[in-house]
Amino acid sequence: MYVYLENNLLIPSKEIIIIIDYIHFMSEKNTKFYREELKKKELVDLTEKERKTVIITDNKIYISSYGKQTLMSRSNEFFNIIGGRK
């Protein structure tokens, strides 16, 4: 299954480690984690509007203007379009 992030970018859902709200990811409590992850991974900011969600994969950190629920709905829509079965 694939997840549509934004700007015509699809990524395999199996690559996703975590999807977290941007505001929580950037909180003071997570600052150290954020800095460490940026040393190891490429940051891809897909937003043209407000930053809502951070998607962390093995190799990249994506920032999207779509919320977590929207991203999950889009992955389910794609799954249904290609004829997947639950």
PDB file of N, CA and C in Angstrom:
ATOM      1  N   MET A   1       0.839  -1.165   0.000  1.00  0.00           N
ATOM      2  CA  MET A   1       0.000   0.000   0.000  1.00  0.00           C
ATOM      3  C   MET A   1       0.894   1.242   0.000  1.00  0.00           C
ATOM      4  N   TYR A   2       0.421   2.284  -0.633  1.00  0.00           N
ATOM      5  CA  TYR A   2       1.150   3.547  -0.722  1.00  0.00           C
ATOM      6  C   TYR A   2       0.383   4.653  -0.006  1.00  0.00           C
ATOM      7  N   VAL A   3       1.119   5.657   0.422  1.00  0.00           N
ATOM      8  CA  VAL A   3       0.520   6.819   1.062  1.00  0.00           C
ATOM      9  C   VAL A   3       0.864   8.047   0.227  1.00  0.00           C
ATOM     10  N   TYR A   4      -0.172   8.803  -0.158  1.00  0.00           N
ATOM     11  CA  TYR A   4       0.019  10.051  -0.894  1.00  0.00           C
ATOM     12  C   TYR A   4       0.315  11.141   0.119  1.00  0.00           C
ATOM     13  N   LEU A   5       1.507  11.743   0.032  1.00  0.00           N
ATOM     14  CA  LEU A   5       1.893  12.763   0.998  1.00  0.00           C
ATOM     15  C   LEU A   5       1.488  14.162   0.570  1.00  0.00           C
ATOM     16  N   GLU A   6       1.837  14.525  -0.650  1.00  0.00           N
ATOM     17  CA  GLU A   6       1.558  15.868  -1.158  1.00  0.00           C
ATOM     18  C   GLU A   6       2.392  16.063  -2.425  1.00  0.00           C
ATOM     19  N   ASN A   7       2.016  17.010  -3.265  1.00  0.00           N
ATOM     20  CA  ASN A   7       2.783  17.345  -4.475  1.00  0.00           C
ATOM     21  C   ASN A   7       3.105  16.124  -5.331  1.00  0.00           C
ATOM     22  N   ASN A   8       2.111  15.276  -5.525  1.00  0.00           N
ATOM     23  CA  ASN A   8       2.239  14.072  -6.360  1.00  0.00           C
ATOM     24  C   ASN A   8       3.275  13.082  -5.864  1.00  0.00           C
ATOM     25  N   LEU A   9       3.538  13.058  -4.573  1.00  0.00           N
ATOM     26  CA  LEU A   9       4.512  12.130  -4.003  1.00  0.00           C
ATOM     27  C   LEU A   9       3.801  10.999  -3.273  1.00  0.00           C
ATOM     28  N   LEU A  10       4.050   9.777  -3.736  1.00  0.00           N
ATOM     29  CA  LEU A  10       3.568   8.565  -3.080  1.00  0.00           C
ATOM     30  C   LEU A  10       4.766   7.843  -2.485  1.00  0.00           C
ATOM     31  N   ILE A  11       4.606   7.323  -1.270  1.00  0.00           N
ATOM     32  CA  ILE A  11       5.669   6.502  -0.692  1.00  0.00           C
ATOM     33  C   ILE A  11       5.050   5.200  -0.195  1.00  0.00           C
ATOM     34  N   PRO A  12       5.816   4.106  -0.236  1.00  0.00           N
ATOM     35  CA  PRO A  12       5.301   2.837   0.287  1.00  0.00           C
ATOM     36  C   PRO A  12       5.032   2.951   1.789  1.00  0.00           C
ATOM     37  N   SER A  13       3.878   2.494   2.212  1.00  0.00           N
ATOM     38  CA  SER A  13       3.526   2.600   3.631  1.00  0.00           C
ATOM     39  C   SER A  13       4.474   1.795   4.507  1.00  0.00           C
ATOM     40  N   LYS A  14       5.091   0.749   3.957  1.00  0.00           N
ATOM     41  CA  LYS A  14       6.010  -0.068   4.760  1.00  0.00           C
ATOM     42  C   LYS A  14       7.285   0.691   5.131  1.00  0.00           C
ATOM     43  N   GLU A  15       7.569   1.807   4.447  1.00  0.00           N
ATOM     44  CA  GLU A  15       8.745   2.617   4.772  1.00  0.00           C
ATOM     45  C   GLU A  15       8.490   3.576   5.932  1.00  0.00           C
ATOM     46  N   ILE A  16       7.234   3.786   6.266  1.00  0.00           N
ATOM     47  CA  ILE A  16       6.893   4.763   7.303  1.00  0.00           C
ATOM     48  C   ILE A  16       7.165   4.192   8.686  1.00  0.00           C
ATOM     49  N   ILE A  17       7.927   4.954   9.459  1.00  0.00           N
ATOM     50  CA  ILE A  17       8.207   4.582  10.844  1.00  0.00           C
ATOM     51  C   ILE A  17       7.157   5.198  11.761  1.00  0.00           C
ATOM     52  N   ILE A  18       6.873   6.489  11.554  1.00  0.00           N
ATOM     53  CA  ILE A  18       5.891   7.183  12.386  1.00  0.00           C
ATOM     54  C   ILE A  18       5.319   8.380  11.631  1.00  0.00           C
ATOM     55  N   ILE A  19       4.063   8.682  11.925  1.00  0.00           N
ATOM     56  CA  ILE A  19       3.420   9.909  11.464  1.00  0.00           C
ATOM     57  C   ILE A  19       3.018  10.663  12.723  1.00  0.00           C
ATOM     58  N   ILE A  20       3.495  11.891  12.851  1.00  0.00           N
ATOM     59  CA  ILE A  20       3.274  12.665  14.071  1.00  0.00           C
ATOM     60  C   ILE A  20       2.866  14.092  13.709  1.00  0.00           C
ATOM     61  N   ASP A  21       2.061  14.691  14.564  1.00  0.00           N
ATOM     62  CA  ASP A  21       1.685  16.092  14.358  1.00  0.00           C
ATOM     63  C   ASP A  21       2.928  16.965  14.411  1.00  0.00           C
ATOM     64  N   TYR A  22       3.011  17.917  13.505  1.00  0.00           N
ATOM     65  CA  TYR A  22       4.170  18.811  13.424  1.00  0.00           C
ATOM     66  C   TYR A  22       4.405  19.545  14.737  1.00  0.00           C
ATOM     67  N   ILE A  23       3.351  20.019  15.349  1.00  0.00           N
ATOM     68  CA  ILE A  23       3.488  20.785  16.585  1.00  0.00           C
ATOM     69  C   ILE A  23       4.116  19.944  17.705  1.00  0.00           C
ATOM     70  N   HIS A  24       3.799  18.648  17.746  1.00  0.00           N
ATOM     71  CA  HIS A  24       4.390  17.762  18.757  1.00  0.00           C
ATOM     72  C   HIS A  24       5.839  17.433  18.411  1.00  0.00           C
ATOM     73  N   PHE A  25       6.094  17.242  17.138  1.00  0.00           N
ATOM     74  CA  PHE A  25       7.457  16.918  16.704  1.00  0.00           C
ATOM     75  C   PHE A  25       8.419  18.054  17.011  1.00  0.00           C
ATOM     76  N   MET A  26       7.953  19.293  16.863  1.00  0.00           N
ATOM     77  CA  MET A  26       8.809  20.454  17.071  1.00  0.00           C
ATOM     78  C   MET A  26       8.799  20.961  18.514  1.00  0.00           C
ATOM     79  N   SER A  27       8.122  20.260  19.395  1.00  0.00           N
ATOM     80  CA  SER A  27       8.054  20.703  20.789  1.00  0.00           C
ATOM     81  C   SER A  27       9.429  20.635  21.443  1.00  0.00           C
ATOM     82  N   GLU A  28       9.575  21.380  22.499  1.00  0.00           N
ATOM     83  CA  GLU A  28      10.851  21.437  23.218  1.00  0.00           C
ATOM     84  C   GLU A  28      11.295  20.044  23.664  1.00  0.00           C
ATOM     85  N   LYS A  29      10.343  19.227  24.034  1.00  0.00           N
ATOM     86  CA  LYS A  29      10.636  17.872  24.502  1.00  0.00           C
ATOM     87  C   LYS A  29      11.289  17.013  23.407  1.00  0.00           C
ATOM     88  N   ASN A  30      10.962  17.276  22.156  1.00  0.00           N
ATOM     89  CA  ASN A  30      11.466  16.470  21.042  1.00  0.00           C
ATOM     90  C   ASN A  30      12.613  17.118  20.274  1.00  0.00           C
ATOM     91  N   THR A  31      13.094  18.255  20.712  1.00  0.00           N
ATOM     92  CA  THR A  31      14.139  18.986  19.993  1.00  0.00           C
ATOM     93  C   THR A  31      15.388  18.142  19.772  1.00  0.00           C
ATOM     94  N   LYS A  32      15.840  17.435  20.789  1.00  0.00           N
ATOM     95  CA  LYS A  32      17.045  16.608  20.666  1.00  0.00           C
ATOM     96  C   LYS A  32      16.840  15.506  19.623  1.00  0.00           C
ATOM     97  N   PHE A  33      15.694  14.840  19.679  1.00  0.00           N
ATOM     98  CA  PHE A  33      15.387  13.788  18.712  1.00  0.00           C
ATOM     99  C   PHE A  33      15.382  14.355  17.296  1.00  0.00           C
ATOM    100  N   TYR A  34      14.745  15.512  17.121  1.00  0.00           N
ATOM    101  CA  TYR A  34      14.657  16.168  15.818  1.00  0.00           C
ATOM    102  C   TYR A  34      16.045  16.456  15.260  1.00  0.00           C
ATOM    103  N   ARG A  35      16.910  17.021  16.069  1.00  0.00           N
ATOM    104  CA  ARG A  35      18.270  17.340  15.618  1.00  0.00           C
ATOM    105  C   ARG A  35      19.048  16.087  15.241  1.00  0.00           C
ATOM    106  N   GLU A  36      18.912  15.037  16.030  1.00  0.00           N
ATOM    107  CA  GLU A  36      19.609  13.781  15.735  1.00  0.00           C
ATOM    108  C   GLU A  36      19.108  13.163  14.430  1.00  0.00           C
ATOM    109  N   GLU A  37      17.809  13.197  14.222  1.00  0.00           N
ATOM    110  CA  GLU A  37      17.245  12.644  12.989  1.00  0.00           C
ATOM    111  C   GLU A  37      17.707  13.434  11.765  1.00  0.00           C
ATOM    112  N   LEU A  38      17.808  14.739  11.881  1.00  0.00           N
ATOM    113  CA  LEU A  38      18.254  15.563  10.752  1.00  0.00           C
ATOM    114  C   LEU A  38      19.704  15.296  10.376  1.00  0.00           C
ATOM    115  N   LYS A  39      20.495  14.820  11.311  1.00  0.00           N
ATOM    116  CA  LYS A  39      21.886  14.465  11.000  1.00  0.00           C
ATOM    117  C   LYS A  39      21.943  13.216  10.131  1.00  0.00           C
ATOM    118  N   LYS A  40      20.949  12.349  10.265  1.00  0.00           N
ATOM    119  CA  LYS A  40      20.955  11.056   9.576  1.00  0.00           C
ATOM    120  C   LYS A  40      20.075  11.011   8.330  1.00  0.00           C
ATOM    121  N   LYS A  41      19.108  11.909   8.250  1.00  0.00           N
ATOM    122  CA  LYS A  41      18.099  11.802   7.201  1.00  0.00           C
ATOM    123  C   LYS A  41      17.901  13.118   6.463  1.00  0.00           C
ATOM    124  N   GLU A  42      17.464  12.989   5.223  1.00  0.00           N
ATOM    125  CA  GLU A  42      17.152  14.162   4.398  1.00  0.00           C
ATOM    126  C   GLU A  42      15.784  14.714   4.791  1.00  0.00           C
ATOM    127  N   LEU A  43      15.689  16.029   4.899  1.00  0.00           N
ATOM    128  CA  LEU A  43      14.421  16.687   5.196  1.00  0.00           C
ATOM    129  C   LEU A  43      13.769  17.116   3.887  1.00  0.00           C
ATOM    130  N   VAL A  44      12.514  16.705   3.694  1.00  0.00           N
ATOM    131  CA  VAL A  44      11.761  17.059   2.495  1.00  0.00           C
ATOM    132  C   VAL A  44      10.505  17.798   2.942  1.00  0.00           C
ATOM    133  N   ASP A  45      10.498  19.103   2.740  1.00  0.00           N
ATOM    134  CA  ASP A  45       9.349  19.925   3.120  1.00  0.00           C
ATOM    135  C   ASP A  45       8.445  20.073   1.903  1.00  0.00           C
ATOM    136  N   LEU A  46       7.300  19.429   1.942  1.00  0.00           N
ATOM    137  CA  LEU A  46       6.365  19.413   0.819  1.00  0.00           C
ATOM    138  C   LEU A  46       5.319  20.511   0.912  1.00  0.00           C
ATOM    139  N   THR A  47       5.360  21.281   1.970  1.00  0.00           N
ATOM    140  CA  THR A  47       4.279  22.227   2.239  1.00  0.00           C
ATOM    141  C   THR A  47       4.376  23.499   1.416  1.00  0.00           C
ATOM    142  N   GLU A  48       3.221  23.987   1.069  1.00  0.00           N
ATOM    143  CA  GLU A  48       3.089  25.319   0.496  1.00  0.00           C
ATOM    144  C   GLU A  48       2.232  26.162   1.431  1.00  0.00           C
ATOM    145  N   LYS A  49       1.655  25.488   2.426  1.00  0.00           N
ATOM    146  CA  LYS A  49       0.799  26.142   3.409  1.00  0.00           C
ATOM    147  C   LYS A  49       1.321  25.795   4.800  1.00  0.00           C
ATOM    148  N   GLU A  50       0.408  25.707   5.725  1.00  0.00           N
ATOM    149  CA  GLU A  50       0.729  25.388   7.112  1.00  0.00           C
ATOM    150  C   GLU A  50       1.292  23.967   7.242  1.00  0.00           C
ATOM    151  N   ARG A  51       2.306  23.808   8.061  1.00  0.00           N
ATOM    152  CA  ARG A  51       2.877  22.491   8.334  1.00  0.00           C
ATOM    153  C   ARG A  51       2.024  21.793   9.386  1.00  0.00           C
ATOM    154  N   LYS A  52       1.537  20.588   9.038  1.00  0.00           N
ATOM    155  CA  LYS A  52       0.653  19.878   9.965  1.00  0.00           C
ATOM    156  C   LYS A  52       1.213  18.542  10.432  1.00  0.00           C
ATOM    157  N   THR A  53       1.938  17.848   9.559  1.00  0.00           N
ATOM    158  CA  THR A  53       2.340  16.485   9.875  1.00  0.00           C
ATOM    159  C   THR A  53       3.785  16.222   9.482  1.00  0.00           C
ATOM    160  N   VAL A  54       4.451  15.396  10.288  1.00  0.00           N
ATOM    161  CA  VAL A  54       5.804  14.932   9.989  1.00  0.00           C
ATOM    162  C   VAL A  54       5.726  13.425   9.779  1.00  0.00           C
ATOM    163  N   ILE A  55       6.286  12.963   8.668  1.00  0.00           N
ATOM    164  CA  ILE A  55       6.313  11.545   8.336  1.00  0.00           C
ATOM    165  C   ILE A  55       7.776  11.122   8.331  1.00  0.00           C
ATOM    166  N   ILE A  56       8.134  10.211   9.219  1.00  0.00           N
ATOM    167  CA  ILE A  56       9.520   9.759   9.310  1.00  0.00           C
ATOM    168  C   ILE A  56       9.632   8.377   8.689  1.00  0.00           C
ATOM    169  N   THR A  57      10.570   8.255   7.747  1.00  0.00           N
ATOM    170  CA  THR A  57      10.868   6.970   7.122  1.00  0.00           C
ATOM    171  C   THR A  57      12.308   6.603   7.457  1.00  0.00           C
ATOM    172  N   ASP A  58      12.774   5.492   6.924  1.00  0.00           N
ATOM    173  CA  ASP A  58      14.153   5.070   7.187  1.00  0.00           C
ATOM    174  C   ASP A  58      15.175   6.086   6.698  1.00  0.00           C
ATOM    175  N   ASN A  59      14.889   6.762   5.589  1.00  0.00           N
ATOM    176  CA  ASN A  59      15.878   7.638   4.965  1.00  0.00           C
ATOM    177  C   ASN A  59      15.526   9.119   4.942  1.00  0.00           C
ATOM    178  N   LYS A  60      14.254   9.442   5.149  1.00  0.00           N
ATOM    179  CA  LYS A  60      13.836  10.834   4.996  1.00  0.00           C
ATOM    180  C   LYS A  60      12.837  11.239   6.070  1.00  0.00           C
ATOM    181  N   ILE A  61      12.756  12.547   6.248  1.00  0.00           N
ATOM    182  CA  ILE A  61      11.725  13.148   7.083  1.00  0.00           C
ATOM    183  C   ILE A  61      10.914  14.054   6.163  1.00  0.00           C
ATOM    184  N   TYR A  62       9.628  13.752   6.019  1.00  0.00           N
ATOM    185  CA  TYR A  62       8.746  14.542   5.167  1.00  0.00           C
ATOM    186  C   TYR A  62       7.872  15.432   6.044  1.00  0.00           C
ATOM    187  N   ILE A  63       7.639  16.651   5.584  1.00  0.00           N
ATOM    188  CA  ILE A  63       6.703  17.547   6.253  1.00  0.00           C
ATOM    189  C   ILE A  63       5.569  17.821   5.277  1.00  0.00           C
ATOM    190  N   SER A  64       4.338  17.622   5.755  1.00  0.00           N
ATOM    191  CA  SER A  64       3.163  17.762   4.900  1.00  0.00           C
ATOM    192  C   SER A  64       2.166  18.744   5.506  1.00  0.00           C
ATOM    193  N   SER A  65       1.389  19.367   4.644  1.00  0.00           N
ATOM    194  CA  SER A  65       0.337  20.261   5.130  1.00  0.00           C
ATOM    195  C   SER A  65      -0.972  19.506   5.361  1.00  0.00           C
ATOM    196  N   TYR A  66      -0.969  18.197   5.090  1.00  0.00           N
ATOM    197  CA  TYR A  66      -2.146  17.375   5.364  1.00  0.00           C
ATOM    198  C   TYR A  66      -2.066  16.821   6.783  1.00  0.00           C
ATOM    199  N   GLY A  67      -3.213  16.674   7.421  1.00  0.00           N
ATOM    200  CA  GLY A  67      -3.274  16.091   8.754  1.00  0.00           C
ATOM    201  C   GLY A  67      -3.113  14.580   8.710  1.00  0.00           C
ATOM    202  N   LYS A  68      -2.899  13.986   9.878  1.00  0.00           N
ATOM    203  CA  LYS A  68      -2.711  12.530   9.968  1.00  0.00           C
ATOM    204  C   LYS A  68      -3.904  11.766   9.413  1.00  0.00           C
ATOM    205  N   GLN A  69      -5.109  12.183   9.778  1.00  0.00           N
ATOM    206  CA  GLN A  69      -6.305  11.478   9.319  1.00  0.00           C
ATOM    207  C   GLN A  69      -6.449  11.556   7.800  1.00  0.00           C
ATOM    208  N   THR A  70      -6.131  12.695   7.227  1.00  0.00           N
ATOM    209  CA  THR A  70      -6.206  12.857   5.774  1.00  0.00           C
ATOM    210  C   THR A  70      -5.221  11.925   5.084  1.00  0.00           C
ATOM    211  N   LEU A  71      -4.004  11.844   5.606  1.00  0.00           N
ATOM    212  CA  LEU A  71      -3.003  10.951   5.016  1.00  0.00           C
ATOM    213  C   LEU A  71      -3.462   9.499   5.068  1.00  0.00           C
ATOM    214  N   MET A  72      -4.037   9.093   6.190  1.00  0.00           N
ATOM    215  CA  MET A  72      -4.502   7.716   6.311  1.00  0.00           C
ATOM    216  C   MET A  72      -5.686   7.458   5.382  1.00  0.00           C
ATOM    217  N   SER A  73      -6.588   8.411   5.254  1.00  0.00           N
ATOM    218  CA  SER A  73      -7.724   8.258   4.340  1.00  0.00           C
ATOM    219  C   SER A  73      -7.249   8.113   2.904  1.00  0.00           C
ATOM    220  N   ARG A  74      -6.259   8.914   2.527  1.00  0.00           N
ATOM    221  CA  ARG A  74      -5.733   8.842   1.162  1.00  0.00           C
ATOM    222  C   ARG A  74      -5.057   7.502   0.892  1.00  0.00           C
ATOM    223  N   SER A  75      -4.389   6.948   1.879  1.00  0.00           N
ATOM    224  CA  SER A  75      -3.754   5.643   1.669  1.00  0.00           C
ATOM    225  C   SER A  75      -4.824   4.575   1.494  1.00  0.00           C
ATOM    226  N   ASN A  76      -5.914   4.662   2.239  1.00  0.00           N
ATOM    227  CA  ASN A  76      -7.008   3.704   2.090  1.00  0.00           C
ATOM    228  C   ASN A  76      -7.702   3.867   0.747  1.00  0.00           C
ATOM    229  N   GLU A  77      -7.879   5.106   0.276  1.00  0.00           N
ATOM    230  CA  GLU A  77      -8.475   5.348  -1.037  1.00  0.00           C
ATOM    231  C   GLU A  77      -7.626   4.722  -2.135  1.00  0.00           C
ATOM    232  N   PHE A  78      -6.306   4.917  -2.060  1.00  0.00           N
ATOM    233  CA  PHE A  78      -5.411   4.347  -3.060  1.00  0.00           C
ATOM    234  C   PHE A  78      -5.510   2.825  -3.044  1.00  0.00           C
ATOM    235  N   PHE A  79      -5.561   2.253  -1.847  1.00  0.00           N
ATOM    236  CA  PHE A  79      -5.664   0.804  -1.689  1.00  0.00           C
ATOM    237  C   PHE A  79      -6.930   0.290  -2.373  1.00  0.00           C
ATOM    238  N   ASN A  80      -8.031   0.993  -2.196  1.00  0.00           N
ATOM    239  CA  ASN A  80      -9.295   0.589  -2.809  1.00  0.00           C
ATOM    240  C   ASN A  80      -9.293   0.791  -4.321  1.00  0.00           C
ATOM    241  N   ILE A  81      -8.669   1.861  -4.804  1.00  0.00           N
ATOM    242  CA  ILE A  81      -8.612   2.137  -6.241  1.00  0.00           C
ATOM    243  C   ILE A  81      -7.864   1.041  -6.985  1.00  0.00           C
ATOM    244  N   ILE A  82      -6.775   0.549  -6.395  1.00  0.00           N
ATOM    245  CA  ILE A  82      -5.991  -0.480  -7.088  1.00  0.00           C
ATOM    246  C   ILE A  82      -6.569  -1.876  -6.891  1.00  0.00           C
ATOM    247  N   GLY A  83      -7.705  -1.959  -6.212  1.00  0.00           N
ATOM    248  CA  GLY A  83      -8.382  -3.242  -6.066  1.00  0.00           C
ATOM    249  C   GLY A  83      -7.912  -4.060  -4.886  1.00  0.00           C
ATOM    250  N   GLY A  84      -7.351  -3.402  -3.897  1.00  0.00           N
ATOM    251  CA  GLY A  84      -6.886  -4.119  -2.710  1.00  0.00           C
ATOM    252  C   GLY A  84      -8.041  -4.637  -1.877  1.00  0.00           C
ATOM    253  N   ARG A  85      -7.748  -5.616  -1.082  1.00  0.00           N
ATOM    254  CA  ARG A  85      -8.747  -6.182  -0.181  1.00  0.00           C
ATOM    255  C   ARG A  85      -8.248  -6.043   1.241  1.00  0.00           C
ATOM    256  N   LYS A  86      -9.168  -5.751   2.117  1.00  0.00           N
ATOM    257  CA  LYS A  86      -8.805  -5.623   3.532  1.00  0.00           C
ATOM    258  C   LYS A  86      -8.931  -6.949   4.226  1.00  0.00           C
TER     259      LYS A  86
END
